[in-house]
C-alpha cells in the first residue's frame, strides 16, 4: 500500500505582523516553516497504513527540513515550491490534491489536523473524492483494510475503512522519540523531487478570502442569590422558561 504523509504545510501565525491599518504583514515569515506540531503523527499514521511492505512518501510545501518525513520512515519526499505564504486554504488543498494525483496509486493521505488551517484536510478529501476521517490517533492494517483509532467524545472509536482515505491527525503530546543526527543525515540522502505549484495547477477553483471575523453577540449573564436555595431554583426555572429552554 502506498501512503503519503503531508508535513510543513501550514504557516505559523506567530510569524505574522499586524500593521497599524489592520492589514497583515507576512514579509518576516519563513515560508512554510512552522505550525507542524502534529506532523510527526501524520508520518506515523502514514507508516502504519503502509505496513512493512508498503511505500511512504513525504509531501511538503518546500519549507523547513524536507528530510523530516524521511528521517521518520518515508522512502522519498516530494517538495512543492512556489506557493505563496498568503495562499488560502482552498489553494493549499488544491495544490496538495494535484500532487497526490501525480503520485498515482496512493491509498492513504495522512495530514496534520492543523489549528491554523483546519479546513484543508477536509477540502483535500473533497477534491480527491475520498473518504475523510478526522481526529485520528493511530492506524494499523487489519483484515485487508485499515483499523483507524480516532477520538470520539471523551474516549476513542475504532473504524474499519477500505479504499482511498484522508486521515486528519492531531498530536496529543510532543514527539517522545525524535530521530538522532545519524538518522537525519541518512534521510537527507534519500530521493527528494521538487515540483512547482505552477506545474501542478489544473482547473481553477474559487479562492477563499476571509473578510473578517464576527463573534456572536454575548447574552448578558444573570446571577441568582444562592442564600435561599428554593428561591434561587425558582428564579432559574422562570429564566429558563422565559428563554424557551424549558
Protein backbone atom coordinates (compact mmCIF):
# COMPACT_ATOMS: atom_id res chain seq x y z
CA UNK A 1 0.00 0.00 0.00
CA UNK A 2 1.27 3.47 -0.87
CA UNK A 3 0.63 6.29 1.59
CA UNK A 4 1.52 9.97 1.73
CA UNK A 5 2.47 11.95 4.82
CA UNK A 6 1.87 15.70 4.41
CA UNK A 7 4.09 17.85 6.63
CA UNK A 8 5.11 21.50 6.99
CA UNK A 9 2.12 22.74 5.01
CA UNK A 10 0.70 25.43 7.31
CA UNK A 11 2.31 28.73 8.26
CA UNK A 12 2.72 29.55 11.93
CA UNK A 13 0.50 32.60 12.67
CA UNK A 14 3.05 33.78 15.21
CA UNK A 15 5.18 34.85 12.24
CA UNK A 16 2.63 37.39 11.07
CA UNK A 17 2.65 41.07 11.96
CA UNK A 18 -0.41 43.30 12.07
CA UNK A 19 0.17 46.78 10.65
CA UNK A 20 -1.32 49.96 12.09
CA UNK A 21 -4.07 49.92 9.48
CA UNK A 22 -5.10 46.38 10.49
CA UNK A 23 -3.63 44.60 7.46
CA UNK A 24 -1.44 41.52 7.93
CA UNK A 25 2.26 41.51 7.02
CA UNK A 26 3.85 38.12 6.29
CA UNK A 27 7.14 39.51 4.98
CA UNK A 28 9.04 38.38 8.07
CA UNK A 29 7.65 34.84 7.91
CA UNK A 30 9.81 31.95 6.79
CA UNK A 31 7.82 30.18 4.09
CA UNK A 32 6.13 27.04 5.36
CA UNK A 33 8.43 26.64 8.32
CA UNK A 34 6.13 26.14 11.27
CA UNK A 35 2.73 25.01 12.52
CA UNK A 36 3.84 21.40 12.32
CA UNK A 37 3.28 20.18 15.88
CA UNK A 38 1.22 17.26 14.58
CA UNK A 39 3.43 16.44 11.57
CA UNK A 40 5.18 13.55 13.27
CA UNK A 41 1.81 11.90 13.98
CA UNK A 42 0.93 12.23 10.29
CA UNK A 43 4.13 10.35 9.41
CA UNK A 44 3.36 7.67 12.00
CA UNK A 45 -0.15 7.25 10.58
CA UNK A 46 1.18 7.01 7.02
CA UNK A 47 3.73 4.39 8.06
CA UNK A 48 1.08 2.42 9.94
CA UNK A 49 -1.20 2.47 6.89
CA UNK A 50 1.58 1.39 4.52
CA UNK A 51 2.75 -1.52 6.63
CA UNK A 52 6.16 -3.12 6.42
CA UNK A 53 5.82 -3.87 2.69
CA UNK A 54 4.30 -0.55 1.63
CA UNK A 55 5.72 2.76 0.49
CA UNK A 56 5.56 6.07 2.35
CA UNK A 57 6.13 9.36 0.55
CA UNK A 58 6.60 12.65 2.35
CA UNK A 59 4.87 15.68 0.83
CA UNK A 60 5.76 19.22 1.87
CA UNK A 61 5.44 22.80 0.67
CA UNK A 62 9.23 23.03 0.40
CA UNK A 63 9.86 24.98 3.57
CA UNK A 64 11.88 23.85 6.54
CA UNK A 65 13.61 20.49 6.73
CA UNK A 66 12.47 18.43 3.74
CA UNK A 67 14.06 15.35 5.34
CA UNK A 68 11.53 15.46 8.21
CA UNK A 69 9.37 12.56 6.95
CA UNK A 70 12.33 10.66 5.52
CA UNK A 71 14.00 10.63 8.93
CA UNK A 72 10.84 9.08 10.37
CA UNK A 73 10.31 6.33 7.83
CA UNK A 74 9.37 7.80 4.45
CA UNK A 75 11.28 6.37 1.50
CA UNK A 76 11.22 9.60 -0.52
CA UNK A 77 9.94 13.18 -0.42
CA UNK A 78 8.10 15.46 -2.83
CA UNK A 79 8.58 19.19 -2.21
CA UNK A 80 6.15 21.70 -3.73
CA UNK A 81 7.85 25.01 -4.48
CA UNK A 82 6.36 28.37 -5.41
CA UNK A 83 3.22 28.51 -3.30
CA UNK A 84 2.98 31.94 -1.61
CA UNK A 85 2.75 32.22 2.16
CA UNK A 86 -0.55 34.08 1.73
CA UNK A 87 -2.18 31.15 -0.14
CA UNK A 88 -5.70 30.48 1.16
CA UNK A 89 -6.99 27.11 2.37
CA UNK A 90 -8.61 26.28 -0.97
CA UNK A 91 -5.38 26.90 -2.90
CA UNK A 92 -3.35 24.82 -0.43
CA UNK A 93 -5.81 21.92 -0.62
CA UNK A 94 -5.97 22.11 -4.43
CA UNK A 95 -2.17 22.06 -4.73
CA UNK A 96 -1.81 19.13 -2.33
CA UNK A 97 -4.56 17.22 -4.16
CA UNK A 98 -2.82 17.74 -7.51
CA UNK A 99 0.44 16.47 -6.02
CA UNK A 100 -1.25 13.36 -4.62
CA UNK A 101 -2.84 12.62 -8.00
CA UNK A 102 0.54 12.94 -9.70
CA UNK A 103 1.99 10.21 -7.47
CA UNK A 104 -0.58 7.60 -8.62
CA UNK A 105 -1.85 4.55 -6.75
CA UNK A 106 -1.91 6.34 -3.39
CA UNK A 107 -4.35 4.77 -0.93
CA UNK A 108 -3.89 6.93 2.16
CA UNK A 109 -3.01 10.57 2.82
CA UNK A 110 -2.19 11.48 6.42
CA UNK A 111 -2.13 15.18 7.26
CA UNK A 112 -2.00 17.14 10.48
CA UNK A 113 -5.35 18.48 11.67
CA UNK A 114 -3.83 21.96 11.91
CA UNK A 115 -5.43 24.51 14.21
CA UNK A 116 -4.29 27.24 11.81
CA UNK A 117 -5.93 25.85 8.66
CA UNK A 118 -8.48 23.28 9.91
CA UNK A 119 -10.44 23.27 6.64
CA UNK A 120 -7.59 21.95 4.49
CA UNK A 121 -7.74 18.21 5.38
CA UNK A 122 -11.48 18.03 4.64
CA UNK A 123 -11.10 20.13 1.45
CA UNK A 124 -8.28 17.84 0.35
CA UNK A 125 -10.50 14.79 0.75
CA UNK A 126 -13.31 16.52 -1.15
CA UNK A 127 -11.06 17.46 -4.07
CA UNK A 128 -9.75 13.89 -4.26
CA UNK A 129 -13.24 12.42 -3.88
CA UNK A 130 -12.06 10.30 -0.95
CA UNK A 131 -13.39 9.44 2.50
CA UNK A 132 -12.20 11.74 5.28
CA UNK A 133 -11.62 10.77 8.91
CA UNK A 134 -10.62 13.44 11.40
CA UNK A 135 -9.26 13.37 14.96
CA UNK A 136 -7.19 10.27 14.14
CA UNK A 137 -4.81 8.87 16.77
CA UNK A 138 -3.37 5.77 15.12
CA UNK A 139 -3.70 3.43 12.14
CA UNK A 140 -2.93 -0.24 11.56
CA UNK A 141 -3.58 -2.76 8.82
CA UNK A 142 -6.29 -5.25 9.79
CA UNK A 143 -8.40 -7.78 7.86
CA UNK A 144 -7.44 -6.41 4.48
CA UNK A 145 -8.30 -2.83 5.41
CA UNK A 146 -7.29 -0.19 7.91
CA UNK A 147 -8.31 -0.03 11.54
CA UNK A 148 -8.34 3.68 12.39
CA UNK A 149 -8.50 4.79 16.01
CA UNK A 150 -9.93 8.27 16.39
CA UNK A 151 -11.03 10.44 19.27
CA UNK A 152 -14.73 10.26 19.99
CA UNK A 153 -16.11 12.36 22.81
CA UNK A 154 -14.12 11.58 25.93
CA UNK A 155 -12.99 8.22 24.57
CA UNK A 156 -11.86 6.64 21.32
CA UNK A 157 -13.56 4.92 18.41
CA UNK A 158 -12.18 2.19 16.11
CA UNK A 159 -13.28 2.40 12.48
CA UNK A 160 -12.51 -0.09 9.73
CA UNK A 161 -12.10 1.59 6.37
CA UNK A 162 -11.19 0.39 2.88
CA UNK A 163 -10.35 2.35 -0.20
CA UNK A 164 -8.70 5.76 -0.54
CA UNK A 165 -8.94 7.84 2.63
CA UNK A 166 -7.61 11.12 4.01
CA UNK A 167 -6.68 10.93 7.69
CA UNK A 168 -6.59 14.15 9.68
CA UNK A 169 -4.42 13.58 12.76
CA UNK A 170 -3.71 15.68 15.82
CA UNK A 171 -0.93 15.30 18.36
CA UNK A 172 -1.87 14.72 21.98
CA UNK A 173 1.65 15.27 23.20
CA UNK A 174 5.11 16.17 21.93
CA UNK A 175 7.12 13.63 19.99
CA UNK A 176 8.72 11.31 22.50
CA UNK A 177 11.49 9.78 20.38
CA UNK A 178 12.92 12.15 17.79
CA UNK A 179 15.36 10.87 15.14
CA UNK A 180 19.01 11.23 16.03
CA UNK A 181 21.58 13.10 13.98
CA UNK A 182 22.68 9.95 12.14
CA UNK A 183 19.09 9.20 11.09
CA UNK A 184 18.63 12.77 9.86
CA UNK A 185 21.87 12.70 7.86
CA UNK A 186 20.90 9.37 6.27
CA UNK A 187 17.45 10.77 5.49
CA UNK A 188 18.99 13.66 3.56
CA UNK A 189 20.50 11.12 1.17
CA UNK A 190 17.05 9.83 0.18
CA UNK A 191 15.32 10.96 -3.00
CA UNK A 192 13.75 14.43 -2.99
CA UNK A 193 11.72 15.52 -6.00
CA UNK A 194 10.87 19.22 -6.31
CA UNK A 195 7.84 20.33 -8.32
CA UNK A 196 6.42 23.82 -8.68
CA UNK A 197 2.91 24.87 -7.81
CA UNK A 198 2.56 26.11 -11.41
CA UNK A 199 3.29 22.62 -12.74
CA UNK A 200 0.55 21.19 -10.53
CA UNK A 201 -2.01 23.85 -11.38
CA UNK A 202 -5.06 22.36 -13.06
CA UNK A 203 -8.60 23.60 -13.34
CA UNK A 204 -9.13 26.68 -11.24
CA UNK A 205 -11.37 26.63 -8.20
CA UNK A 206 -12.84 29.63 -6.41
CA UNK A 207 -10.41 31.18 -3.97
CA UNK A 208 -11.30 31.57 -0.33
CA UNK A 209 -10.89 35.07 1.08
CA UNK A 210 -11.65 35.92 4.69
CA UNK A 211 -13.30 39.32 5.06
CA UNK A 212 -13.12 39.35 8.81
CA UNK A 213 -14.37 37.60 11.89
CA UNK A 214 -17.52 38.46 13.77
CA UNK A 215 -18.20 36.82 17.09
CA UNK A 216 -21.82 36.18 18.05
CA UNK A 217 -23.47 38.58 20.43
CA UNK A 218 -22.95 37.59 24.04
CA UNK A 219 -26.09 37.40 26.11
CA UNK A 220 -25.90 39.20 29.47
CA UNK A 221 -25.21 36.96 32.43
CA UNK A 222 -27.84 36.54 35.12
CA UNK A 223 -26.78 35.94 38.69
CA UNK A 224 -29.05 34.41 41.32
CA UNK A 225 -28.59 34.85 45.05
CA UNK A 226 -27.99 31.39 46.46
CA UNK A 227 -28.54 32.28 50.08
CA UNK A 228 -32.08 30.91 49.74
CA UNK A 229 -31.76 27.80 47.53
CA UNK A 230 -35.50 27.34 46.94
CA UNK A 231 -35.89 30.93 45.78
CA UNK A 232 -32.79 30.68 43.56
CA UNK A 233 -34.13 27.50 41.90
CA UNK A 234 -37.49 29.21 41.31
CA UNK A 235 -35.73 32.16 39.64
CA UNK A 236 -33.64 29.84 37.50
CA UNK A 237 -36.69 27.93 36.30
CA UNK A 238 -38.50 31.16 35.44
CA UNK A 239 -35.47 32.39 33.48
CA UNK A 240 -35.15 29.13 31.53
CA UNK A 241 -38.88 29.17 30.71
CA UNK A 242 -38.62 32.77 29.55
CA UNK A 243 -35.75 31.84 27.20
CA UNK A 244 -37.70 28.88 25.84
CA UNK A 245 -35.24 26.33 27.20
CA UNK A 246 -38.00 24.58 29.18
